């Protein structure tokens, strides 16, 4: 539970002094397994692995309201050897938004998405 409604309201009213947080951000890591978790009401992006190797996201559910701003489901950025398997994503913005090779970041490679319900 990301307590997103508080953040979305502040965002809409332009009252934020800094960017909204991601619900889960993992950076510069190896052999990450995220399995059978339920994420909801993210303030911003829900799951953001950055510069990670060997990432598996398996049987994860992500639910954010349709009118929630910029609440992407999964935003892999500059990751290598990543698999998204058997997930259900229902969010207010992009279900999966691949980010790679921007702003001096590494390219993403070997990303596989299997059995995804959006």
N, C-alpha and C. Protein backbone atom coordinates (compact mmCIF):
# COMPACT_ATOMS: atom_id res chain seq x y z
N UNK A 1 0.84 -1.18 0.00
CA UNK A 1 0.00 0.00 0.00
C UNK A 1 0.88 1.24 0.00
N UNK A 2 0.74 2.05 -1.04
CA UNK A 2 1.58 3.23 -1.18
C UNK A 2 0.96 4.54 -0.72
N UNK A 3 -0.27 4.50 -0.19
CA UNK A 3 -0.94 5.71 0.27
C UNK A 3 -0.97 6.78 -0.83
N UNK A 4 -1.21 6.33 -2.05
CA UNK A 4 -1.12 7.21 -3.21
C UNK A 4 -2.08 8.37 -3.23
N UNK A 5 -3.28 8.21 -2.70
CA UNK A 5 -4.28 9.28 -2.82
C UNK A 5 -3.79 10.61 -2.24
N UNK A 6 -3.07 10.55 -1.14
CA UNK A 6 -2.49 11.77 -0.55
C UNK A 6 -1.53 12.44 -1.55
N UNK A 7 -0.67 11.63 -2.16
CA UNK A 7 0.33 12.15 -3.11
C UNK A 7 -0.32 12.68 -4.38
N UNK A 8 -1.34 11.97 -4.89
CA UNK A 8 -1.99 12.40 -6.12
C UNK A 8 -2.68 13.75 -5.92
N UNK A 9 -3.33 13.92 -4.77
CA UNK A 9 -4.00 15.19 -4.48
C UNK A 9 -2.99 16.34 -4.42
N UNK A 10 -1.90 16.13 -3.72
CA UNK A 10 -0.86 17.17 -3.63
C UNK A 10 -0.26 17.47 -5.01
N UNK A 11 -0.10 16.43 -5.83
CA UNK A 11 0.42 16.60 -7.19
C UNK A 11 -0.54 17.45 -8.03
N UNK A 12 -1.83 17.12 -7.97
CA UNK A 12 -2.83 17.86 -8.75
C UNK A 12 -2.93 19.32 -8.32
N UNK A 13 -2.75 19.55 -7.03
CA UNK A 13 -2.84 20.91 -6.51
C UNK A 13 -1.52 21.67 -6.61
N UNK A 14 -0.50 20.99 -7.16
CA UNK A 14 0.83 21.57 -7.34
C UNK A 14 1.44 22.05 -6.01
N UNK A 15 1.26 21.24 -4.97
CA UNK A 15 1.77 21.56 -3.64
C UNK A 15 3.05 20.81 -3.28
N UNK A 16 3.56 19.99 -4.17
CA UNK A 16 4.74 19.18 -3.85
C UNK A 16 6.02 19.98 -4.01
N UNK A 17 6.92 19.82 -3.07
CA UNK A 17 8.23 20.47 -3.14
C UNK A 17 9.27 19.58 -3.80
N UNK A 18 8.96 18.29 -3.91
CA UNK A 18 9.87 17.32 -4.54
C UNK A 18 9.03 16.31 -5.31
N UNK A 19 9.70 15.48 -6.08
CA UNK A 19 9.00 14.46 -6.87
C UNK A 19 8.34 13.43 -5.96
N UNK A 20 7.26 12.86 -6.44
CA UNK A 20 6.60 11.77 -5.70
C UNK A 20 7.50 10.54 -5.69
N UNK A 21 7.48 9.77 -4.63
CA UNK A 21 8.35 8.58 -4.56
C UNK A 21 7.79 7.42 -5.38
N UNK A 22 8.67 6.51 -5.77
CA UNK A 22 8.25 5.24 -6.35
C UNK A 22 7.85 4.33 -5.20
N UNK A 23 6.97 3.37 -5.47
CA UNK A 23 6.57 2.46 -4.40
C UNK A 23 7.72 1.52 -4.04
N UNK A 24 8.41 0.98 -5.07
CA UNK A 24 9.58 0.14 -4.83
C UNK A 24 10.63 0.44 -5.90
N UNK A 25 11.79 0.89 -5.47
CA UNK A 25 12.90 1.16 -6.37
C UNK A 25 14.10 0.34 -5.91
N UNK A 26 14.66 -0.43 -6.82
CA UNK A 26 15.84 -1.24 -6.52
C UNK A 26 16.92 -0.82 -7.50
N UNK A 27 18.10 -0.45 -6.99
CA UNK A 27 19.15 0.09 -7.84
C UNK A 27 20.46 -0.67 -7.67
N UNK A 28 21.19 -0.82 -8.79
CA UNK A 28 22.54 -1.37 -8.80
C UNK A 28 22.62 -2.71 -8.04
N UNK A 29 21.72 -3.62 -8.38
CA UNK A 29 21.64 -4.89 -7.65
C UNK A 29 21.65 -6.07 -8.61
N UNK A 30 21.94 -7.24 -8.08
CA UNK A 30 22.02 -8.46 -8.87
C UNK A 30 21.21 -9.57 -8.20
N UNK A 31 20.64 -10.43 -9.05
CA UNK A 31 19.84 -11.58 -8.61
C UNK A 31 18.66 -11.15 -7.73
N UNK A 32 17.77 -10.39 -8.32
CA UNK A 32 16.58 -9.89 -7.63
C UNK A 32 15.39 -10.78 -7.99
N UNK A 33 14.63 -11.21 -6.98
CA UNK A 33 13.41 -11.99 -7.20
C UNK A 33 12.27 -11.29 -6.47
N UNK A 34 11.27 -10.88 -7.23
CA UNK A 34 10.08 -10.28 -6.65
C UNK A 34 8.93 -11.20 -7.04
N UNK A 35 8.37 -11.90 -6.07
CA UNK A 35 7.41 -12.96 -6.38
C UNK A 35 6.19 -12.90 -5.46
N UNK A 36 5.02 -13.07 -6.10
CA UNK A 36 3.75 -13.20 -5.40
C UNK A 36 3.48 -12.06 -4.42
N UNK A 37 3.67 -10.83 -4.89
CA UNK A 37 3.38 -9.65 -4.08
C UNK A 37 2.26 -8.85 -4.74
N UNK A 38 1.56 -8.07 -3.93
CA UNK A 38 0.48 -7.20 -4.40
C UNK A 38 0.84 -5.76 -4.06
N UNK A 39 0.98 -4.93 -5.09
CA UNK A 39 1.29 -3.51 -4.93
C UNK A 39 0.06 -2.70 -5.32
N UNK A 40 -0.27 -1.68 -4.52
CA UNK A 40 -1.42 -0.85 -4.88
C UNK A 40 -1.23 0.58 -4.40
N UNK A 41 -1.92 1.48 -5.10
CA UNK A 41 -1.95 2.90 -4.75
C UNK A 41 -0.56 3.52 -4.65
N UNK A 42 0.23 3.30 -5.68
CA UNK A 42 1.58 3.86 -5.72
C UNK A 42 1.52 5.38 -5.91
N UNK A 43 2.36 6.14 -5.21
CA UNK A 43 2.40 7.59 -5.41
C UNK A 43 2.80 7.99 -6.84
N UNK A 44 3.66 7.19 -7.46
CA UNK A 44 4.18 7.44 -8.81
C UNK A 44 4.42 6.07 -9.45
N UNK A 45 5.56 5.88 -10.10
CA UNK A 45 5.85 4.56 -10.65
C UNK A 45 5.79 3.52 -9.53
N UNK A 46 5.35 2.32 -9.89
CA UNK A 46 5.17 1.30 -8.85
C UNK A 46 6.45 0.50 -8.62
N UNK A 47 6.99 -0.10 -9.65
CA UNK A 47 8.18 -0.94 -9.50
C UNK A 47 9.25 -0.42 -10.46
N UNK A 48 10.39 0.02 -9.93
CA UNK A 48 11.44 0.65 -10.73
C UNK A 48 12.79 0.00 -10.45
N UNK A 49 13.13 -1.08 -11.18
CA UNK A 49 14.50 -1.59 -11.08
C UNK A 49 15.42 -0.77 -11.98
N UNK A 50 16.54 -0.31 -11.43
CA UNK A 50 17.47 0.52 -12.18
C UNK A 50 18.87 -0.08 -12.11
N UNK A 51 19.47 -0.27 -13.29
CA UNK A 51 20.83 -0.80 -13.39
C UNK A 51 20.98 -2.09 -12.58
N UNK A 52 20.08 -3.04 -12.84
CA UNK A 52 20.09 -4.32 -12.14
C UNK A 52 20.36 -5.45 -13.12
N UNK A 53 20.91 -6.54 -12.61
CA UNK A 53 21.18 -7.74 -13.39
C UNK A 53 20.37 -8.90 -12.82
N UNK A 54 19.89 -9.77 -13.71
CA UNK A 54 19.19 -10.99 -13.32
C UNK A 54 18.00 -10.69 -12.41
N UNK A 55 16.99 -10.06 -12.99
CA UNK A 55 15.78 -9.67 -12.25
C UNK A 55 14.62 -10.55 -12.71
N UNK A 56 13.89 -11.11 -11.77
CA UNK A 56 12.67 -11.85 -12.08
C UNK A 56 11.52 -11.23 -11.29
N UNK A 57 10.48 -10.82 -12.01
CA UNK A 57 9.24 -10.35 -11.40
C UNK A 57 8.19 -11.39 -11.77
N UNK A 58 7.72 -12.16 -10.80
CA UNK A 58 6.90 -13.34 -11.05
C UNK A 58 5.62 -13.30 -10.21
N UNK A 59 4.49 -13.46 -10.88
CA UNK A 59 3.18 -13.57 -10.20
C UNK A 59 2.92 -12.37 -9.30
N UNK A 60 3.19 -11.19 -9.82
CA UNK A 60 2.99 -9.94 -9.09
C UNK A 60 1.72 -9.26 -9.62
N UNK A 61 0.95 -8.67 -8.72
CA UNK A 61 -0.22 -7.89 -9.08
C UNK A 61 0.03 -6.43 -8.72
N UNK A 62 -0.26 -5.55 -9.68
CA UNK A 62 -0.11 -4.11 -9.46
C UNK A 62 -1.43 -3.45 -9.81
N UNK A 63 -2.00 -2.71 -8.85
CA UNK A 63 -3.30 -2.07 -9.06
C UNK A 63 -3.25 -0.63 -8.57
N UNK A 64 -3.44 0.30 -9.50
CA UNK A 64 -3.56 1.72 -9.19
C UNK A 64 -4.80 2.23 -9.91
N UNK A 65 -5.55 3.17 -9.33
CA UNK A 65 -6.77 3.66 -9.99
C UNK A 65 -6.50 4.25 -11.37
N UNK A 66 -7.50 4.16 -12.23
CA UNK A 66 -7.38 4.67 -13.60
C UNK A 66 -7.03 6.15 -13.65
N UNK A 67 -7.49 6.92 -12.68
CA UNK A 67 -7.25 8.37 -12.71
C UNK A 67 -6.02 8.79 -11.90
N UNK A 68 -5.22 7.85 -11.47
CA UNK A 68 -4.01 8.19 -10.71
C UNK A 68 -2.90 8.61 -11.68
N UNK A 69 -2.27 9.77 -11.45
CA UNK A 69 -1.32 10.32 -12.43
C UNK A 69 0.05 9.64 -12.41
N UNK A 70 0.51 9.25 -13.58
CA UNK A 70 1.86 8.71 -13.78
C UNK A 70 2.17 7.51 -12.89
N UNK A 71 1.18 6.67 -12.69
CA UNK A 71 1.39 5.50 -11.82
C UNK A 71 1.69 4.27 -12.67
N UNK A 72 2.81 4.33 -13.38
CA UNK A 72 3.24 3.18 -14.19
C UNK A 72 3.32 1.93 -13.33
N UNK A 73 3.18 0.78 -13.99
CA UNK A 73 3.31 -0.49 -13.29
C UNK A 73 4.76 -0.87 -13.06
N UNK A 74 5.46 -1.23 -14.14
CA UNK A 74 6.87 -1.62 -14.04
C UNK A 74 7.67 -0.75 -15.00
N UNK A 75 8.73 -0.13 -14.50
CA UNK A 75 9.60 0.73 -15.30
C UNK A 75 11.04 0.23 -15.21
N UNK A 76 11.38 -0.84 -15.95
CA UNK A 76 12.77 -1.29 -15.92
C UNK A 76 13.66 -0.28 -16.64
N UNK A 77 14.74 0.10 -15.98
CA UNK A 77 15.65 1.10 -16.55
C UNK A 77 17.07 0.55 -16.51
N UNK A 78 17.64 0.41 -17.70
CA UNK A 78 19.04 -0.02 -17.83
C UNK A 78 19.31 -1.33 -17.11
N UNK A 79 18.40 -2.29 -17.24
CA UNK A 79 18.56 -3.60 -16.61
C UNK A 79 19.02 -4.63 -17.64
N UNK A 80 19.65 -5.67 -17.14
CA UNK A 80 20.11 -6.75 -17.99
C UNK A 80 19.56 -8.07 -17.47
N UNK A 81 19.12 -8.91 -18.42
CA UNK A 81 18.58 -10.23 -18.11
C UNK A 81 17.41 -10.13 -17.12
N UNK A 82 16.32 -9.55 -17.59
CA UNK A 82 15.14 -9.37 -16.74
C UNK A 82 13.96 -10.11 -17.33
N UNK A 83 13.18 -10.76 -16.46
CA UNK A 83 11.97 -11.47 -16.89
C UNK A 83 10.77 -11.00 -16.05
N UNK A 84 9.68 -10.74 -16.75
CA UNK A 84 8.40 -10.42 -16.10
C UNK A 84 7.45 -11.55 -16.50
N UNK A 85 6.99 -12.32 -15.51
CA UNK A 85 6.25 -13.55 -15.77
C UNK A 85 4.94 -13.57 -14.98
N UNK A 86 3.85 -13.91 -15.66
CA UNK A 86 2.56 -14.17 -15.01
C UNK A 86 2.12 -13.05 -14.07
N UNK A 87 2.19 -11.82 -14.55
CA UNK A 87 1.80 -10.67 -13.73
C UNK A 87 0.48 -10.08 -14.23
N UNK A 88 -0.22 -9.39 -13.33
CA UNK A 88 -1.43 -8.66 -13.66
C UNK A 88 -1.19 -7.20 -13.30
N UNK A 89 -1.32 -6.32 -14.30
CA UNK A 89 -1.05 -4.90 -14.10
C UNK A 89 -2.25 -4.08 -14.57
N UNK A 90 -2.82 -3.29 -13.67
CA UNK A 90 -3.96 -2.42 -13.97
C UNK A 90 -3.68 -1.08 -13.29
N UNK A 91 -3.24 -0.10 -14.08
CA UNK A 91 -2.74 1.15 -13.51
C UNK A 91 -3.28 2.37 -14.25
N UNK A 92 -2.95 3.56 -13.75
CA UNK A 92 -3.42 4.81 -14.32
C UNK A 92 -2.59 5.34 -15.47
N UNK A 93 -1.49 4.66 -15.81
CA UNK A 93 -0.63 5.13 -16.90
C UNK A 93 -0.08 3.90 -17.62
N UNK A 94 1.20 3.86 -17.90
CA UNK A 94 1.79 2.75 -18.64
C UNK A 94 1.88 1.50 -17.77
N UNK A 95 1.47 0.36 -18.32
CA UNK A 95 1.62 -0.89 -17.58
C UNK A 95 3.10 -1.25 -17.46
N UNK A 96 3.80 -1.21 -18.59
CA UNK A 96 5.26 -1.41 -18.59
C UNK A 96 5.86 -0.30 -19.45
N UNK A 97 6.83 0.42 -18.91
CA UNK A 97 7.50 1.49 -19.64
C UNK A 97 9.00 1.23 -19.58
N UNK A 98 9.56 0.75 -20.68
CA UNK A 98 10.97 0.39 -20.73
C UNK A 98 11.80 1.65 -20.95
N UNK A 99 12.78 1.83 -20.09
CA UNK A 99 13.64 3.01 -20.17
C UNK A 99 15.07 2.53 -20.36
N UNK A 100 15.72 3.06 -21.39
CA UNK A 100 17.04 2.53 -21.71
C UNK A 100 17.86 3.54 -22.50
N UNK A 101 19.11 3.68 -22.11
CA UNK A 101 20.03 4.46 -22.91
C UNK A 101 19.78 5.96 -22.90
N UNK A 102 19.09 6.47 -21.90
CA UNK A 102 18.86 7.90 -21.81
C UNK A 102 19.65 8.48 -20.65
N UNK A 103 19.98 9.73 -20.75
CA UNK A 103 20.65 10.44 -19.66
C UNK A 103 21.85 9.66 -19.11
N UNK A 104 22.71 9.23 -20.00
CA UNK A 104 23.93 8.50 -19.64
C UNK A 104 23.67 7.16 -18.97
N UNK A 105 22.49 6.60 -19.16
CA UNK A 105 22.17 5.29 -18.59
C UNK A 105 22.58 4.20 -19.57
N UNK A 106 22.75 3.00 -19.05
CA UNK A 106 23.09 1.85 -19.87
C UNK A 106 21.87 1.41 -20.66
N UNK A 107 22.11 0.69 -21.75
CA UNK A 107 21.02 0.12 -22.51
C UNK A 107 20.44 -1.07 -21.77
N UNK A 108 19.15 -1.31 -22.01
CA UNK A 108 18.53 -2.50 -21.44
C UNK A 108 18.72 -3.64 -22.43
N UNK A 109 18.93 -4.84 -21.93
CA UNK A 109 19.06 -5.97 -22.83
C UNK A 109 18.52 -7.23 -22.17
N UNK A 110 18.06 -8.13 -23.00
CA UNK A 110 17.51 -9.42 -22.59
C UNK A 110 16.33 -9.26 -21.64
N UNK A 111 15.32 -8.53 -22.08
CA UNK A 111 14.08 -8.38 -21.32
C UNK A 111 13.04 -9.29 -21.95
N UNK A 112 12.46 -10.18 -21.14
CA UNK A 112 11.41 -11.08 -21.61
C UNK A 112 10.16 -10.85 -20.78
N UNK A 113 9.03 -10.76 -21.48
CA UNK A 113 7.74 -10.58 -20.82
C UNK A 113 6.85 -11.73 -21.26
N UNK A 114 6.37 -12.51 -20.30
CA UNK A 114 5.58 -13.70 -20.59
C UNK A 114 4.30 -13.71 -19.76
N UNK A 115 3.20 -14.10 -20.37
CA UNK A 115 1.92 -14.30 -19.68
C UNK A 115 1.53 -13.10 -18.83
N UNK A 116 1.41 -11.97 -19.47
CA UNK A 116 1.09 -10.72 -18.77
C UNK A 116 -0.36 -10.34 -19.05
N UNK A 117 -1.11 -10.01 -18.01
CA UNK A 117 -2.47 -9.52 -18.15
C UNK A 117 -2.47 -8.04 -17.82
N UNK A 118 -2.88 -7.21 -18.81
CA UNK A 118 -2.90 -5.76 -18.59
C UNK A 118 -4.31 -5.25 -18.78
